[in-house]
Amino acid sequence: MAIDLDAQGLALSAKRMIHLARLARQAQLPLPRSDNAPIALVPPTPWAASTAYVVGDIRSNGGNLYVVNGAGTSAASGGPSGTTLAITDGTVSWAWIGTEQPVYADWPAITVRANYSASGIANAVAVPLNSNKLGLFNQSALYTYYNMHSGCTPLNGQPVYLTEVTGIGSWATTIGFVTDADVIDIAMQNLGEMIVIVDGVPMPGYYVTNTGGGNPSRFVGLTFKTRKSRSIIVGMANSGSAGIAIGPKDTIRPLPVANMLSYAAIGDSYLSSIGTNFLDMLDDGVARHLGSFARMSIGVGGTGYINNNGSYTTYAQRISAIAASGADVVGVYGGINDTYTAGTFETAVNSFYSTLRTAMPNAVIVACGPWCPNQSFITGTDKYTNIRNAIRAAVTAAGGNWIFIDNLTGSLSTSNGYSRVDTTPWITGSGKVGTTTSTGNANYYISSDGTHPSQPAGADYFAKRVADDIREGLIALARL
């Protein structure tokens, strides 16, 4: 077999194998941590009446988890209830952080500061988003959004950035850093949900941080019970950020991401959904299960390879933005919103994958069949099967390293000939949440609208299935 050589006489095939071996190894690493201490998740402690609580205490009540964000003494009966961030219980203030589940002792209390107000940290020091102190997972795609409003010291006047592409898809900001601060203020603007991952352990809830209309600037405080070095990832959906504020004695450095797999994605509403499933969808959910975070994600509901949902973009119109991310692995998810017309769809999907391969010659392209929320839709001559076949043929013809995920049968194949054959679709049965049938997992994983994943169970199910197949595919590609 002929071996092509580069100018230095190194076998390109060998260099590609080294690159693929690195990706396979990275796909099996956990999220980064600041130390190697074991993570202990323990059953939550139940709420108790007439008890003194300090900021950061976590208790369960009525099937929910709550964290103290205002110290005090609990009421004589009842306890916290509801799902807001300011719940009064005696003289204690609680924030809901999710449903009852094992607790990590080092999760912080979450406090939403007043709109347009200063940081809650005395003599706060600004760490702007564009400084070298914060690790940005998609540094190459910073877009100026606004400036922080006056009064939001010490970051007032600092540019608010998005780290995904506004105007053509979903957008968000994700930052990572290592600090010994016990209080951290995140500078945010616009409506947004926020997730926090501490030393590789995601907090169970999500935090709606918008209060009031318009695009208010505000700080969201993270208060830990102790001072120690921690690795922290903060993801903000539908929100820009100007950076963070810490105390004058605190140290901070960017989260090391050199060993993290670099992932980006193009998709539809299965990708762009936010809220309770922000951690679990096909951008950050997949990346999290691969020990990383999405470098860039452009998901727009109702769109596809051909369909632009009226005034948005097709997948092909997002290629230049995705290519700018420089991601190692690019996932493409969709087709459910497209109409299949023989010849027309094949032309569009072939052009898309050929253009994507030209724009990202070294990336591993992950192509997935169209989402199908009802097993009875798959007949062998249906739209979903035809679209699946066209996508598989197109990514194959585009060449390079690719992984094809066949969610209609549960099969997997890669560009180097690896194949795992199955006959069971990811979604079985024809039920949905609220309208169940006697068989099938659609009862649990398809929401009551009959189309989208349920939250959070369905969203997490899809993300884990995709991540597992990407990991298996990368390992297969790394084999000689």
Protein backbone atom coordinates (compact mmCIF):
# COMPACT_ATOMS: atom_id res chain seq x y z
CA MET A 1 0.00 0.00 0.00
CA ALA A 2 1.36 3.43 -0.94
CA ILE A 3 2.11 5.84 1.91
CA ASP A 4 1.90 9.59 1.22
CA LEU A 5 4.58 11.67 2.91
CA ASP A 6 4.62 15.28 4.01
CA ALA A 7 7.54 17.68 3.48
CA GLN A 8 9.32 16.37 6.57
CA GLY A 9 9.09 12.79 5.40
CA LEU A 10 6.59 11.82 8.10
CA ALA A 11 3.85 9.41 7.10
CA LEU A 12 0.59 11.33 7.11
CA SER A 13 -1.31 8.15 7.85
CA ALA A 14 0.76 7.68 11.02
CA LYS A 15 0.14 11.28 12.07
CA ARG A 16 -3.59 10.81 11.58
CA MET A 17 -3.51 7.69 13.73
CA ILE A 18 -1.74 9.56 16.52
CA HIS A 19 -4.39 12.28 16.30
CA LEU A 20 -7.25 9.77 16.38
CA ALA A 21 -5.67 7.90 19.29
CA ARG A 22 -5.55 11.20 21.23
CA LEU A 23 -9.23 11.86 20.54
CA ALA A 24 -10.17 8.34 21.61
CA ARG A 25 -8.27 8.78 24.87
CA GLN A 26 -9.82 12.20 25.51
CA ALA A 27 -13.32 10.84 24.93
CA GLN A 28 -12.82 8.52 27.90
CA LEU A 29 -11.60 11.19 30.35
CA PRO A 30 -13.85 12.74 33.02
CA LEU A 31 -14.46 16.46 33.30
CA PRO A 32 -11.36 18.25 34.65
CA ARG A 33 -10.85 18.69 38.36
CA SER A 34 -8.53 20.76 40.50
CA ASP A 35 -7.31 17.80 42.55
CA ASN A 36 -7.42 14.01 42.65
CA ALA A 37 -9.45 13.66 45.83
CA PRO A 38 -12.30 11.16 45.60
CA ILE A 39 -15.75 12.58 44.92
CA ALA A 40 -18.26 11.51 47.55
CA LEU A 41 -21.95 11.72 46.73
CA VAL A 42 -24.05 11.03 49.81
CA PRO A 43 -27.79 10.87 50.54
CA PRO A 44 -29.16 14.35 51.27
CA THR A 45 -29.86 15.34 54.86
CA PRO A 46 -33.55 16.03 55.47
CA TRP A 47 -34.69 19.51 56.49
CA ALA A 48 -35.20 20.02 60.22
CA ALA A 49 -37.45 22.46 62.05
CA SER A 50 -36.12 25.27 64.28
CA THR A 51 -32.55 24.65 63.19
CA ALA A 52 -29.76 27.14 62.48
CA TYR A 53 -28.46 26.93 58.90
CA VAL A 54 -25.48 28.62 57.25
CA VAL A 55 -24.95 29.58 53.61
CA GLY A 56 -24.15 26.51 51.54
CA ASP A 57 -26.06 23.98 53.66
CA ILE A 58 -28.01 21.56 51.44
CA ARG A 59 -31.18 19.86 52.64
CA SER A 60 -34.01 17.83 51.13
CA ASN A 61 -37.69 18.51 51.66
CA GLY A 62 -40.73 17.18 49.86
CA GLY A 63 -38.67 15.39 47.22
CA ASN A 64 -36.64 18.51 46.35
CA LEU A 65 -33.15 19.76 47.14
CA TYR A 66 -32.51 23.24 48.53
CA VAL A 67 -29.33 25.17 49.32
CA VAL A 68 -29.12 27.99 51.86
CA ASN A 69 -28.33 31.40 50.33
CA GLY A 70 -29.25 33.39 53.41
CA ALA A 71 -28.30 32.13 56.88
CA GLY A 72 -30.90 31.91 59.66
CA THR A 73 -33.11 29.58 61.65
CA SER A 74 -35.74 27.40 60.03
CA ALA A 75 -39.45 27.60 60.83
CA ALA A 76 -41.13 25.38 63.40
CA SER A 77 -42.81 23.37 60.66
CA GLY A 78 -43.17 23.06 56.90
CA GLY A 79 -39.79 23.90 55.46
CA PRO A 80 -38.87 25.16 52.00
CA SER A 81 -41.11 24.34 49.03
CA GLY A 82 -41.35 25.38 45.41
CA THR A 83 -38.73 25.82 42.70
CA THR A 84 -37.55 29.42 43.02
CA LEU A 85 -34.26 30.93 44.14
CA ALA A 86 -35.64 32.90 47.09
CA ILE A 87 -37.72 30.75 49.45
CA THR A 88 -38.34 32.03 52.97
CA ASP A 89 -38.37 29.51 55.81
CA GLY A 90 -38.34 31.17 59.20
CA THR A 91 -35.34 33.47 58.88
CA VAL A 92 -33.55 31.22 56.38
CA SER A 93 -33.49 31.87 52.63
CA TRP A 94 -33.28 28.81 50.40
CA ALA A 95 -32.73 28.27 46.68
CA TRP A 96 -34.16 25.24 44.89
CA ILE A 97 -31.42 23.23 43.14
CA GLY A 98 -33.34 20.27 41.79
CA THR A 99 -35.10 17.08 42.76
CA GLU A 100 -33.86 14.87 45.56
CA GLN A 101 -30.72 12.92 44.67
CA PRO A 102 -27.27 12.23 46.14
CA VAL A 103 -25.49 15.38 47.26
CA TYR A 104 -21.93 16.61 46.69
CA ALA A 105 -20.88 18.54 49.77
CA ASP A 106 -18.99 21.18 47.78
CA TRP A 107 -21.82 22.65 45.70
CA PRO A 108 -22.18 26.42 46.24
CA ALA A 109 -25.16 28.50 47.26
CA ILE A 110 -26.61 30.51 44.36
CA THR A 111 -27.62 34.13 44.87
CA VAL A 112 -29.06 36.38 42.16
CA ARG A 113 -27.96 39.96 42.84
CA ALA A 114 -30.29 42.84 42.08
CA ASN A 115 -30.42 44.15 38.51
CA TYR A 116 -27.80 46.82 37.73
CA SER A 117 -26.20 46.49 41.19
CA ALA A 118 -22.56 46.12 42.18
CA SER A 119 -20.87 42.85 42.99
CA GLY A 120 -21.65 41.49 46.44
CA ILE A 121 -17.92 40.96 47.10
CA ALA A 122 -16.09 43.61 49.10
CA ASN A 123 -13.36 45.36 47.06
CA ALA A 124 -14.18 43.05 44.16
CA VAL A 125 -11.62 42.55 41.40
CA ALA A 126 -12.82 42.28 37.80
CA VAL A 127 -11.80 39.31 35.66
CA PRO A 128 -13.11 40.20 32.17
CA LEU A 129 -14.25 37.45 29.86
CA ASN A 130 -11.60 38.33 27.29
CA SER A 131 -8.76 38.18 29.81
CA ASN A 132 -6.26 35.34 29.97
CA LYS A 133 -7.64 34.26 33.35
CA LEU A 134 -10.74 32.53 32.01
CA GLY A 135 -10.71 29.46 29.81
CA LEU A 136 -13.16 29.93 26.96
CA PHE A 137 -14.10 26.72 25.23
CA ASN A 138 -14.79 28.57 22.00
CA GLN A 139 -12.32 31.45 22.24
CA SER A 140 -12.26 31.77 18.44
CA ALA A 141 -15.92 32.75 18.34
CA LEU A 142 -16.30 35.75 20.64
CA TYR A 143 -19.05 38.14 19.62
CA THR A 144 -19.59 41.49 21.33
CA TYR A 145 -23.17 41.77 22.58
CA TYR A 146 -23.52 44.79 24.91
CA ASN A 147 -21.54 46.47 27.66
CA MET A 148 -22.34 45.84 31.33
CA HIS A 149 -24.59 48.60 32.64
CA SER A 150 -23.26 51.30 34.95
CA GLY A 151 -23.53 50.36 38.60
CA CYS A 152 -22.39 46.79 37.98
CA THR A 153 -18.94 47.43 39.43
CA PRO A 154 -16.24 46.30 38.99
CA LEU A 155 -17.29 45.08 35.52
CA ASN A 156 -19.47 48.03 34.49
CA GLY A 157 -18.57 49.14 30.99
CA GLN A 158 -16.84 45.85 30.17
CA PRO A 159 -17.97 44.21 26.90
CA VAL A 160 -20.53 41.44 27.21
CA TYR A 161 -19.62 38.59 24.89
CA LEU A 162 -21.40 35.63 23.41
CA THR A 163 -19.33 32.58 22.65
CA GLU A 164 -21.74 31.14 20.15
CA VAL A 165 -23.21 32.71 17.05
CA THR A 166 -26.11 35.09 17.48
CA GLY A 167 -28.43 35.75 14.59
CA ILE A 168 -28.13 32.31 13.02
CA GLY A 169 -28.76 29.97 15.90
CA SER A 170 -28.72 29.31 19.60
CA TRP A 171 -26.14 31.19 21.59
CA ALA A 172 -24.60 30.98 25.01
CA THR A 173 -21.46 31.54 27.04
CA THR A 174 -19.31 28.89 28.68
CA ILE A 175 -16.30 29.64 30.86
CA GLY A 176 -13.93 27.51 32.90
CA PHE A 177 -11.43 28.49 35.57
CA VAL A 178 -9.59 27.31 38.68
CA THR A 179 -9.81 29.52 41.75
CA ASP A 180 -9.49 29.42 45.52
CA ALA A 181 -12.20 32.06 45.98
CA ASP A 182 -15.04 31.17 48.30
CA VAL A 183 -17.35 33.77 46.72
CA ILE A 184 -17.52 34.31 42.95
CA ASP A 185 -19.82 36.70 41.10
CA ILE A 186 -20.71 35.85 37.50
CA ALA A 187 -21.53 38.93 35.38
CA MET A 188 -24.51 38.12 33.16
CA GLN A 189 -26.82 39.97 30.82
CA ASN A 190 -30.17 39.09 29.25
CA LEU A 191 -32.54 36.24 30.05
CA GLY A 192 -30.60 33.11 30.79
CA GLU A 193 -30.27 29.75 32.48
CA MET A 194 -27.06 28.86 34.25
CA ILE A 195 -25.43 25.56 35.12
CA VAL A 196 -22.50 25.08 37.47
CA ILE A 197 -20.04 22.17 37.50
CA VAL A 198 -17.68 22.00 40.49
CA ASP A 199 -14.64 19.73 40.23
CA GLY A 200 -16.37 17.72 37.53
CA VAL A 201 -19.67 17.30 39.42
CA PRO A 202 -22.70 19.09 37.90
CA MET A 203 -25.13 20.69 40.31
CA PRO A 204 -28.55 19.05 39.91
CA GLY A 205 -30.64 22.12 39.19
CA TYR A 206 -30.74 24.94 36.70
CA TYR A 207 -31.05 28.56 37.64
CA VAL A 208 -33.27 31.04 35.85
CA THR A 209 -31.45 34.27 36.45
CA ASN A 210 -33.64 36.82 34.70
CA THR A 211 -35.57 39.21 36.96
CA GLY A 212 -37.45 41.99 35.22
CA GLY A 213 -37.84 42.77 31.55
CA GLY A 214 -35.40 44.02 28.98
CA ASN A 215 -31.75 43.01 29.01
CA PRO A 216 -30.66 43.73 32.59
CA SER A 217 -27.09 43.34 33.76
CA ARG A 218 -26.70 41.44 37.01
CA PHE A 219 -24.30 39.37 39.08
CA VAL A 220 -25.07 35.82 40.10
CA GLY A 221 -23.11 34.81 43.17
CA LEU A 222 -21.60 31.41 43.95
CA THR A 223 -20.85 31.09 47.68
CA PHE A 224 -18.88 28.08 48.91
CA LYS A 225 -18.70 27.01 52.54
CA THR A 226 -14.88 26.88 52.51
CA ARG A 227 -11.95 28.38 50.67
CA LYS A 228 -9.96 25.90 48.58
CA SER A 229 -8.82 25.43 45.00
CA ARG A 230 -11.65 24.25 42.73
CA SER A 231 -12.14 23.80 39.01
CA ILE A 232 -15.38 25.48 37.97
CA ILE A 233 -17.32 25.43 34.71
CA VAL A 234 -20.21 27.85 34.27
CA GLY A 235 -22.54 27.47 31.31
CA MET A 236 -25.08 30.19 30.50
CA ALA A 237 -27.85 29.66 27.94
CA ASN A 238 -29.45 32.65 26.18
CA SER A 239 -27.11 34.95 28.06
CA GLY A 240 -23.95 36.90 27.47
CA SER A 241 -21.25 37.45 30.07
CA ALA A 242 -18.67 40.11 30.81
CA GLY A 243 -16.63 37.86 33.10
CA ILE A 244 -16.47 37.30 36.84
CA ALA A 245 -15.60 39.17 40.02
CA ILE A 246 -13.54 37.73 42.89
CA GLY A 247 -11.97 39.04 46.08
CA PRO A 248 -8.67 40.96 46.16
CA LYS A 249 -6.86 38.06 47.87
CA ASP A 250 -8.20 35.35 45.60
CA THR A 251 -6.19 33.62 42.88
CA ILE A 252 -7.51 32.48 39.52
CA ARG A 253 -6.21 30.78 36.40
CA PRO A 254 -7.87 29.36 33.29
CA LEU A 255 -9.16 25.83 33.41
CA PRO A 256 -6.71 23.67 31.45
CA VAL A 257 -8.50 22.37 28.38
CA ALA A 258 -5.58 20.93 26.37
CA ASN A 259 -6.60 17.40 27.34
CA MET A 260 -10.30 17.96 26.66
CA LEU A 261 -11.90 16.72 23.47
CA SER A 262 -13.01 19.66 21.33
CA TYR A 263 -16.64 19.27 20.20
CA ALA A 264 -19.08 21.35 18.13
CA ALA A 265 -22.55 20.65 16.79
CA ILE A 266 -25.14 21.64 14.18
CA GLY A 267 -28.78 20.74 14.65
CA ASP A 268 -32.42 21.58 15.20
CA SER A 269 -34.58 21.93 18.34
CA TYR A 270 -33.16 18.67 19.72
CA LEU A 271 -29.91 20.64 19.92
CA SER A 272 -31.16 24.12 20.80
CA SER A 273 -33.56 23.32 23.66
CA ILE A 274 -32.69 24.95 26.97
CA GLY A 275 -34.01 25.03 30.50
CA THR A 276 -34.07 21.93 32.66
CA ASN A 277 -32.21 19.99 29.99
CA PHE A 278 -29.43 22.50 29.23
CA LEU A 279 -26.93 20.02 30.62
CA ASP A 280 -28.43 17.13 28.74
CA MET A 281 -29.02 18.12 25.13
CA LEU A 282 -26.93 17.23 22.12
CA ASP A 283 -24.42 20.04 22.51
CA ASP A 284 -23.37 20.35 26.15
CA GLY A 285 -24.96 17.05 27.16
CA VAL A 286 -22.95 15.03 24.66
CA ALA A 287 -19.77 16.98 25.37
CA ARG A 288 -20.21 16.53 29.12
CA HIS A 289 -20.50 12.76 28.72
CA LEU A 290 -17.28 12.92 26.69
CA GLY A 291 -15.47 14.86 29.42
CA SER A 292 -15.69 18.20 27.61
CA PHE A 293 -17.93 21.15 26.86
CA ALA A 294 -19.37 22.27 23.54
CA ARG A 295 -16.95 24.62 21.80
CA MET A 296 -19.73 25.85 19.54
CA SER A 297 -23.34 24.85 19.02
CA ILE A 298 -25.76 26.15 16.40
CA GLY A 299 -29.19 24.62 16.82
CA VAL A 300 -32.37 26.21 15.46
CA GLY A 301 -35.81 24.70 15.93
CA GLY A 302 -37.67 23.67 12.79
CA THR A 303 -34.60 23.70 10.54
CA GLY A 304 -32.69 21.03 8.67
CA TYR A 305 -30.51 20.32 5.66
CA ILE A 306 -33.05 22.07 3.40
CA ASN A 307 -35.67 23.61 5.68
CA ASN A 308 -34.79 27.04 7.12
CA ASN A 309 -38.06 27.34 9.08
CA GLY A 310 -39.05 30.44 7.17
CA SER A 311 -36.33 32.95 7.97
CA TYR A 312 -33.52 31.10 9.75
CA THR A 313 -30.58 29.20 8.31
CA THR A 314 -30.12 25.80 6.77
CA TYR A 315 -27.31 23.60 8.03
CA ALA A 316 -25.08 24.59 5.10
CA GLN A 317 -25.29 28.27 6.06
CA ARG A 318 -23.75 27.47 9.46
CA ILE A 319 -20.63 25.71 8.19
CA SER A 320 -18.31 28.74 8.22
CA ALA A 321 -19.16 29.52 11.86
CA ILE A 322 -18.69 25.90 12.93
CA ALA A 323 -15.40 25.69 11.02
CA ALA A 324 -14.12 28.75 12.90
CA SER A 325 -14.42 26.77 16.15
CA GLY A 326 -11.61 24.44 15.05
CA ALA A 327 -13.33 21.54 16.82
CA ASP A 328 -11.87 18.03 16.66
CA VAL A 329 -15.30 16.40 16.51
CA VAL A 330 -18.37 17.89 14.80
CA GLY A 331 -21.80 16.37 15.33
CA VAL A 332 -24.59 16.91 12.79
CA TYR A 333 -28.09 16.02 13.97
CA GLY A 334 -31.31 16.46 12.02
CA GLY A 335 -33.47 15.68 9.06
CA ILE A 336 -36.77 15.34 10.93
CA ASN A 337 -37.81 18.81 9.74
CA ASP A 338 -36.98 18.17 6.08
CA THR A 339 -39.33 16.87 3.42
CA TYR A 340 -37.87 13.97 1.48
CA THR A 341 -37.99 14.36 -2.30
CA ALA A 342 -35.82 11.84 -4.13
CA GLY A 343 -32.87 13.53 -5.80
CA THR A 344 -33.50 16.95 -4.23
CA PHE A 345 -32.63 15.85 -0.70
CA GLU A 346 -29.62 13.82 -1.86
CA THR A 347 -28.24 16.84 -3.71
CA ALA A 348 -28.57 19.06 -0.65
CA VAL A 349 -27.08 16.61 1.84
CA ASN A 350 -24.20 15.67 -0.48
CA SER A 351 -23.34 19.34 -0.92
CA PHE A 352 -23.50 19.92 2.83
CA TYR A 353 -21.11 17.14 3.81
CA SER A 354 -18.73 17.87 0.94
CA THR A 355 -18.55 21.55 1.97
CA LEU A 356 -18.19 20.69 5.65
CA ARG A 357 -15.34 18.29 4.87
CA THR A 358 -13.57 20.93 2.78
CA ALA A 359 -13.94 23.48 5.57
CA MET A 360 -12.81 21.04 8.30
CA PRO A 361 -10.48 18.49 6.64
CA ASN A 362 -9.09 17.10 9.90
CA ALA A 363 -12.28 16.91 11.96
CA VAL A 364 -14.09 13.70 12.76
CA ILE A 365 -17.58 14.28 11.39
CA VAL A 366 -20.36 12.55 13.31
CA ALA A 367 -23.49 12.18 11.18
CA CYS A 368 -26.69 10.93 12.76
CA GLY A 369 -29.90 9.70 11.21
CA PRO A 370 -33.06 11.81 11.59
CA TRP A 371 -34.78 11.79 14.96
CA CYS A 372 -37.87 9.58 14.91
CA PRO A 373 -40.14 9.93 17.96
CA ASN A 374 -42.45 7.03 17.07
CA GLN A 375 -41.35 3.53 16.07
CA SER A 376 -44.46 3.02 13.92
CA PHE A 377 -43.21 5.74 11.56
CA ILE A 378 -40.40 3.43 10.39
CA THR A 379 -41.73 1.18 7.62
CA GLY A 380 -38.72 0.72 5.36
CA THR A 381 -40.00 3.07 2.66
CA ASP A 382 -40.72 6.03 4.91
CA LYS A 383 -39.24 9.54 4.99
CA TYR A 384 -37.01 8.73 7.96
CA THR A 385 -35.43 5.70 6.30
CA ASN A 386 -34.82 7.56 3.03
CA ILE A 387 -33.26 10.52 4.82
CA ARG A 388 -31.10 8.18 6.92
CA ASN A 389 -29.85 6.43 3.79
CA ALA A 390 -29.03 9.73 2.08
CA ILE A 391 -27.13 11.08 5.10
CA ARG A 392 -25.07 7.89 5.41
CA ALA A 393 -24.20 7.94 1.70
CA ALA A 394 -23.29 11.64 1.81
CA VAL A 395 -20.92 11.48 4.79
CA THR A 396 -19.29 8.41 3.24
CA ALA A 397 -18.75 10.20 -0.08
CA ALA A 398 -17.30 13.26 1.65
CA GLY A 399 -14.35 11.18 2.85
CA GLY A 400 -12.02 11.79 5.77
CA ASN A 401 -12.70 10.42 9.24
CA TRP A 402 -16.38 9.99 10.02
CA ILE A 403 -18.76 8.19 12.35
CA PHE A 404 -22.32 7.38 11.28
CA ILE A 405 -24.90 6.85 14.03
CA ASP A 406 -27.99 4.99 12.85
CA ASN A 407 -30.52 5.80 15.53
CA LEU A 408 -33.28 4.11 13.50
CA THR A 409 -31.70 0.69 14.02
CA GLY A 410 -29.16 1.23 16.79
CA SER A 411 -26.26 0.48 14.42
CA LEU A 412 -22.91 2.25 14.13
CA SER A 413 -20.27 2.48 11.39
CA THR A 414 -17.02 4.37 10.82
CA SER A 415 -14.85 5.43 7.89
CA ASN A 416 -12.25 2.72 8.53
CA GLY A 417 -14.74 -0.12 8.10
CA TYR A 418 -15.83 -0.70 11.68
CA SER A 419 -19.48 -1.76 11.95
CA ARG A 420 -21.80 -2.63 14.82
CA VAL A 421 -25.09 -4.02 13.53
CA ASP A 422 -28.32 -3.79 15.49
CA THR A 423 -32.02 -3.81 14.66
CA THR A 424 -33.54 -1.93 17.61
CA PRO A 425 -34.32 1.79 17.17
CA TRP A 426 -33.43 4.19 19.95
CA ILE A 427 -37.09 5.02 20.46
CA THR A 428 -39.45 2.05 20.72
CA GLY A 429 -43.22 2.04 20.84
CA SER A 430 -45.65 4.82 19.97
CA GLY A 431 -46.42 6.37 23.33
CA LYS A 432 -45.41 9.65 24.92
CA VAL A 433 -45.42 11.27 28.33
CA GLY A 434 -49.03 11.57 29.46
CA THR A 435 -50.31 9.18 26.76
CA THR A 436 -48.54 5.91 27.39
CA THR A 437 -48.92 2.57 25.63
CA SER A 438 -48.32 -0.95 26.89
CA THR A 439 -44.82 -1.20 25.38
CA GLY A 440 -41.85 0.94 24.39
CA ASN A 441 -39.54 3.54 25.91
CA ALA A 442 -41.30 6.39 24.09
CA ASN A 443 -43.58 6.47 27.14
CA TYR A 444 -40.69 7.96 29.08
CA TYR A 445 -38.40 9.62 26.56
CA ILE A 446 -40.80 11.48 24.24
CA SER A 447 -42.50 14.56 25.68
CA SER A 448 -46.23 15.17 25.65
CA ASP A 449 -45.91 17.06 22.33
CA GLY A 450 -45.10 13.74 20.64
CA THR A 451 -41.95 15.08 18.98
CA HIS A 452 -39.28 16.33 21.38
CA PRO A 453 -37.37 14.54 24.13
CA SER A 454 -38.91 14.63 27.58
CA GLN A 455 -37.05 16.72 30.15
CA PRO A 456 -34.76 15.71 31.64
CA ALA A 457 -35.09 11.93 31.07
CA GLY A 458 -35.40 11.91 27.28
CA ALA A 459 -32.81 14.62 26.76
CA ASP A 460 -30.27 12.78 28.90
CA TYR A 461 -31.10 9.47 27.18
CA PHE A 462 -30.37 10.91 23.72
CA ALA A 463 -27.20 12.66 24.89
CA LYS A 464 -25.81 9.51 26.50
CA ARG A 465 -26.63 7.37 23.45
CA VAL A 466 -24.88 9.83 21.13
CA ALA A 467 -21.86 10.21 23.43
CA ASP A 468 -21.48 6.44 23.84
CA ASP A 469 -21.54 5.96 20.05
CA ILE A 470 -19.04 8.78 19.49
CA ARG A 471 -16.71 7.25 22.06
CA GLU A 472 -17.00 3.80 20.48
CA GLY A 473 -16.49 5.28 17.02
CA LEU A 474 -13.38 7.22 18.05
CA ILE A 475 -11.87 4.12 19.61
CA ALA A 476 -12.63 2.19 16.42
CA LEU A 477 -11.06 4.90 14.24
CA ALA A 478 -7.88 4.79 16.35
CA ARG A 479 -7.31 1.15 15.50
CA LEU A 480 -4.75 0.34 12.79
